[in-house]
Protein backbone atom coordinates (compact mmCIF):
# COMPACT_ATOMS: atom_id res chain seq x y z
CA MET A 1 73.57 134.79 58.83
CA ALA A 2 70.87 136.80 60.61
CA GLN A 3 73.20 137.21 63.59
CA GLU A 4 75.96 138.55 61.36
CA ARG A 5 73.56 141.07 59.80
CA SER A 6 72.44 142.14 63.25
CA GLU A 7 76.03 142.65 64.38
CA ARG A 8 76.84 144.66 61.24
CA THR A 9 73.79 146.86 61.81
CA ARG A 10 74.77 147.44 65.42
CA GLY A 11 78.29 148.30 64.35
CA ARG A 12 76.99 150.83 61.78
CA LEU A 13 74.81 152.41 64.45
CA VAL A 14 77.74 152.79 66.83
CA GLU A 15 79.87 154.34 64.09
CA ALA A 16 77.05 156.67 63.04
CA GLY A 17 76.39 157.61 66.66
CA ALA A 18 80.07 158.42 67.10
CA VAL A 19 80.08 160.66 64.02
CA LEU A 20 77.05 162.60 65.26
CA PHE A 21 78.18 162.77 68.90
CA ASP A 22 81.58 164.03 67.71
CA ARG A 23 80.01 166.60 65.40
CA SER A 24 77.00 167.77 67.42
CA GLY A 25 77.52 166.56 70.98
CA TYR A 26 75.22 164.29 72.97
CA ALA A 27 72.36 166.78 73.20
CA GLY A 28 72.62 167.86 69.57
CA ALA A 29 72.66 164.38 68.04
CA THR A 30 69.19 162.97 67.39
CA LEU A 31 68.30 159.31 67.05
CA GLY A 32 66.64 160.06 63.72
CA GLU A 33 69.86 161.54 62.35
CA ILE A 34 71.88 158.64 63.70
CA ALA A 35 69.55 156.07 62.14
CA GLY A 36 69.64 157.94 58.82
CA THR A 37 73.44 158.13 58.84
CA ALA A 38 73.60 154.39 59.55
CA GLY A 39 71.12 153.70 56.74
CA VAL A 40 68.54 152.00 58.99
CA THR A 41 65.10 152.81 60.36
CA LYS A 42 64.51 154.16 63.85
CA GLY A 43 62.80 150.87 64.59
CA ALA A 44 66.02 149.04 63.79
CA LEU A 45 67.93 151.44 66.03
CA TYR A 46 65.56 150.77 68.93
CA PHE A 47 65.96 147.03 68.38
CA HIS A 48 69.64 147.43 69.31
CA PHE A 49 69.56 150.39 71.70
CA ALA A 50 66.76 151.30 74.07
CA SER A 51 67.84 154.94 74.26
CA LYS A 52 70.42 157.47 73.16
CA GLU A 53 72.19 156.89 76.46
CA ASP A 54 72.58 153.19 75.63
CA LEU A 55 74.08 154.10 72.27
CA ALA A 56 76.48 156.56 73.91
CA ARG A 57 77.55 153.84 76.32
CA ALA A 58 78.27 151.55 73.36
CA VAL A 59 80.42 154.25 71.73
CA LEU A 60 82.38 154.66 74.96
CA ASP A 61 82.76 150.90 75.36
CA GLN A 62 84.05 150.51 71.81
CA ALA A 63 86.52 153.36 72.30
CA GLU A 64 87.77 151.83 75.54
CA GLY A 65 88.12 148.43 73.92
CA SER A 66 90.14 149.92 71.05
CA LEU A 67 92.42 151.84 73.42
CA ARG A 68 93.05 148.96 75.78
CA GLY A 69 93.51 146.47 72.97
CA ALA A 70 96.08 148.67 71.22
CA CYS A 71 97.97 149.39 74.44
CA ALA A 72 98.01 145.73 75.43
CA THR A 73 99.43 144.78 72.02
CA LEU A 74 102.10 147.46 72.33
CA ARG A 75 102.92 146.28 75.84
CA THR A 76 103.61 142.72 74.71
CA ALA A 77 106.08 143.98 72.11
CA SER A 78 108.15 146.30 74.31
CA SER A 79 108.86 147.57 77.79
CA PRO A 80 106.16 149.44 79.74
CA LEU A 81 107.78 152.83 79.16
CA GLN A 82 108.26 152.26 75.42
CA ALA A 83 104.64 151.05 75.24
CA LEU A 84 103.57 154.31 76.89
CA ILE A 85 105.46 156.36 74.31
CA ASP A 86 103.91 154.36 71.46
CA SER A 87 100.44 154.57 73.04
CA GLY A 88 100.63 158.33 72.75
CA TYR A 89 101.28 158.02 69.02
CA TRP A 90 98.39 155.57 68.71
CA LEU A 91 96.08 158.03 70.46
CA VAL A 92 96.91 161.07 68.36
CA ASP A 93 96.58 158.99 65.18
CA ALA A 94 93.18 157.75 66.38
CA LEU A 95 92.08 161.30 67.14
CA GLY A 96 92.69 162.14 63.51
CA SER A 97 91.09 159.06 61.97
CA ASP A 98 88.58 157.48 64.38
CA ALA A 99 85.28 159.22 65.15
CA VAL A 100 84.62 156.73 67.95
CA ILE A 101 87.70 157.89 69.87
CA ARG A 102 86.90 161.56 69.26
CA ALA A 103 83.28 161.06 70.30
CA ALA A 104 84.34 159.26 73.48
CA PHE A 105 86.46 162.22 74.51
CA ARG A 106 83.69 164.69 73.67
CA LEU A 107 81.12 162.68 75.62
CA GLY A 108 83.50 162.66 78.56
CA ARG A 109 84.05 166.42 78.33
CA GLU A 110 80.33 167.13 78.18
CA GLY A 111 79.42 164.92 81.11
CA GLY A 112 75.84 166.01 81.61
CA ALA A 113 72.82 164.37 83.16
CA TRP A 114 73.18 161.10 81.26
CA LEU A 115 76.77 160.64 82.48
CA GLY A 116 75.83 161.60 86.03
CA GLU A 117 73.02 159.04 85.98
CA ALA A 118 75.36 156.34 84.73
CA ALA A 119 77.89 157.15 87.44
CA ALA A 120 75.18 157.04 90.09
CA GLN A 121 74.40 153.47 89.10
CA GLY A 122 77.92 152.46 90.07
CA PRO A 123 80.72 151.00 87.95
CA ALA A 124 80.36 147.66 86.24
CA ALA A 125 82.11 144.67 87.73
CA GLU A 126 85.79 144.54 86.94
CA VAL A 127 86.71 142.18 84.16
CA PRO A 128 89.80 140.08 84.94
CA THR A 129 92.77 140.36 82.64
CA GLN A 130 93.13 137.45 80.26
CA PRO A 131 96.25 136.36 78.37
CA GLY A 132 96.29 136.25 74.61
CA PRO A 133 95.42 138.80 71.92
CA THR A 134 92.48 141.11 72.33
CA GLN A 135 89.65 140.47 69.91
CA PRO A 136 86.99 143.13 70.46
CA GLY A 137 83.66 142.69 68.75
CA PRO A 138 81.95 145.41 66.73
CA THR A 139 80.79 147.32 69.81
CA GLN A 140 81.98 145.44 72.88
CA PRO A 141 85.63 145.32 74.04
CA GLY A 142 87.15 141.90 74.46
CA PRO A 143 89.30 140.95 77.43
CA ALA A 144 92.69 142.60 77.43
CA GLN A 145 95.90 140.67 77.57
CA SER A 146 98.78 141.44 79.90
CA GLY A 147 99.33 145.14 80.33
CA PRO A 148 96.70 147.69 81.32
CA THR A 149 93.87 145.99 83.18
CA GLN A 150 90.19 146.23 82.38
CA ALA A 151 88.00 148.80 84.05
CA GLY A 152 84.30 149.53 84.07
CA PRO A 153 82.67 151.43 81.21
CA ALA A 154 84.01 154.89 80.60
CA ALA A 155 80.52 156.28 81.10
CA ALA A 156 80.61 155.15 84.71
CA GLY A 157 83.38 157.56 85.67
CA GLY A 158 87.14 157.85 85.37
CA CYS A 159 89.81 155.37 86.42
CA VAL A 160 91.71 158.22 88.09
CA ALA A 161 90.23 160.22 90.95
CA GLY A 162 88.83 163.51 89.69
CA THR A 163 89.04 162.50 86.02
CA GLN A 164 85.79 161.39 84.41
CA GLY A 165 84.76 159.68 81.24
CA PHE A 166 87.21 158.63 78.56
CA HIS A 167 89.84 161.03 79.88
CA GLY A 168 89.80 158.94 83.05
CA VAL A 169 90.23 155.72 81.09
CA TRP A 170 93.23 157.14 79.21
CA ALA A 171 94.74 158.59 82.38
CA GLY A 172 94.31 155.22 84.07
CA VAL A 173 96.11 153.43 81.23
CA VAL A 174 98.98 155.94 81.43
CA ARG A 175 99.28 155.41 85.19
CA GLU A 176 99.22 151.62 84.78
CA LEU A 177 102.03 151.74 82.23
CA LEU A 178 104.04 154.11 84.43
CA SER A 179 103.55 151.76 87.38
CA GLY A 180 104.78 148.90 85.22
CA ALA A 181 107.80 150.95 84.21
CA ARG A 182 108.61 151.61 87.86
CA ARG A 183 108.31 147.92 88.73
CA ALA A 184 110.58 147.11 85.78
CA GLY A 185 113.23 149.55 87.04
CA GLU A 186 112.88 151.89 84.07
CA LEU A 187 112.22 155.02 86.13
CA ARG A 188 114.82 156.80 88.19
CA ASP A 189 114.50 156.79 91.96
CA ARG A 190 113.37 160.16 93.22
CA PRO A 191 113.09 160.65 96.97
CA GLY A 192 110.15 162.69 98.09
CA GLY A 193 107.55 162.29 95.36
CA THR A 194 106.51 161.39 91.84
CA GLY A 195 106.27 164.84 90.31
CA PRO A 196 107.66 163.87 86.89
CA GLU A 197 105.23 160.95 86.65
CA THR A 198 102.33 163.24 87.49
CA LEU A 199 103.54 165.58 84.77
CA VAL A 200 103.50 162.70 82.25
CA VAL A 201 99.89 161.84 83.12
CA THR A 202 98.91 165.51 82.78
CA ALA A 203 100.71 165.86 79.45
CA ALA A 204 99.19 162.63 78.12
CA CYS A 205 95.68 163.79 79.01
CA GLY A 206 96.38 167.06 77.24
CA LEU A 207 97.09 165.32 73.93
CA GLU A 208 93.37 165.20 73.12
CA VAL A 209 93.04 168.95 73.64
CA THR A 210 96.21 169.85 71.75
CA PHE A 211 95.73 167.80 68.60
CA GLY A 212 92.60 168.77 66.70
CA GLU A 213 91.42 167.58 63.31
CA ASP A 214 93.23 170.50 61.65
CA CYS A 215 96.60 169.18 62.86
CA SER A 216 98.28 167.06 60.18
CA PRO A 217 99.59 163.56 61.01
CA GLU A 218 103.13 164.77 60.41
CA GLU A 219 102.69 167.69 62.79
CA ARG A 220 101.14 165.40 65.43
CA ALA A 221 104.13 163.05 65.22
CA ARG A 222 106.58 165.95 65.43
CA ARG A 223 104.93 167.38 68.53
CA VAL A 224 104.67 164.03 70.32
CA ALA A 225 108.34 163.33 69.60
CA ALA A 226 109.31 166.75 70.95
CA LEU A 227 107.23 166.12 74.08
CA TRP A 228 108.93 162.81 74.84
CA GLU A 229 112.40 164.12 74.07
CA TRP A 230 111.78 166.63 76.85
CA LEU A 231 109.99 164.29 79.30
CA LEU A 232 112.18 161.18 79.08
CA PRO A 233 115.28 162.64 80.75
CA CYS A 234 113.06 163.61 83.70
CA LEU A 235 111.82 160.04 84.09
CA VAL A 236 114.71 157.67 83.44
CA PRO A 237 118.16 157.33 85.01
CA PRO A 238 120.91 159.55 83.58
CA GLY A 239 121.98 158.38 80.13
CA ALA A 240 119.06 155.95 79.71
CA ALA A 241 116.92 158.21 77.49
CA ALA A 242 118.88 157.07 74.44
CA LEU A 243 117.57 153.51 74.98
CA TYR A 244 114.05 154.54 74.00
CA ARG A 245 112.57 155.36 70.62
CA THR A 246 110.70 158.67 70.68
CA ARG A 247 109.69 158.59 67.02
CA PRO A 248 106.50 156.86 65.84
CA LEU A 249 106.54 153.11 65.40
CA THR A 250 105.65 151.88 61.91
CA GLY A 251 102.60 149.67 62.07
CA VAL A 252 101.23 150.85 65.41
CA PRO A 253 98.08 148.77 65.99
CA ALA A 254 94.89 150.43 64.80
């Protein structure tokens, strides 16, 4: 019972931290405000998190767990390329409804001394991929099933060279799904480079910048569909674009 209360309190603190980091940024969010938003004392906050940096790490970890869990679920239900299309819809929906995802992107954009210090400590050990459904806890991601593999915390740097923070995590997931699509024979053979695939990664990373809170869910879906209707013919063999659904999937995992 006490353990459940502790986990609920920790979860509220992560959610409150995400709201304040999203609204005010890392520097602008104070631990007092976060504790007040969560409805707990600062003493209770310090029981769970030794510092604001620790809380920011927990926000990033929860965002990564949500992203990887959703993408792994989508991957088990479809081909790698279709899972990539649906992952884009999941992301833009999350940007509109989930402060943790928005905060993770903002923390990654800001970087700053706390992120540089985390990166200097080196990435966490890689967690092996496990079969079966992902069951993340309130603040810690669970092991992912088949599909995109686990990486170190987003705060420790990006999964793609030159891309830091949560943008790097998302770019890494996109690349992993594209690699799976190539292994599955979904992508057309192109001698002399992977330009279209690079374009997909760039476009996917730009989703966070393009879709703000003032963009309605309907408009987000329309723009993502238009993006894929243009990108797919560049990626797949001639005539194969019609095999893929470019409209949002009902019941995309939250």
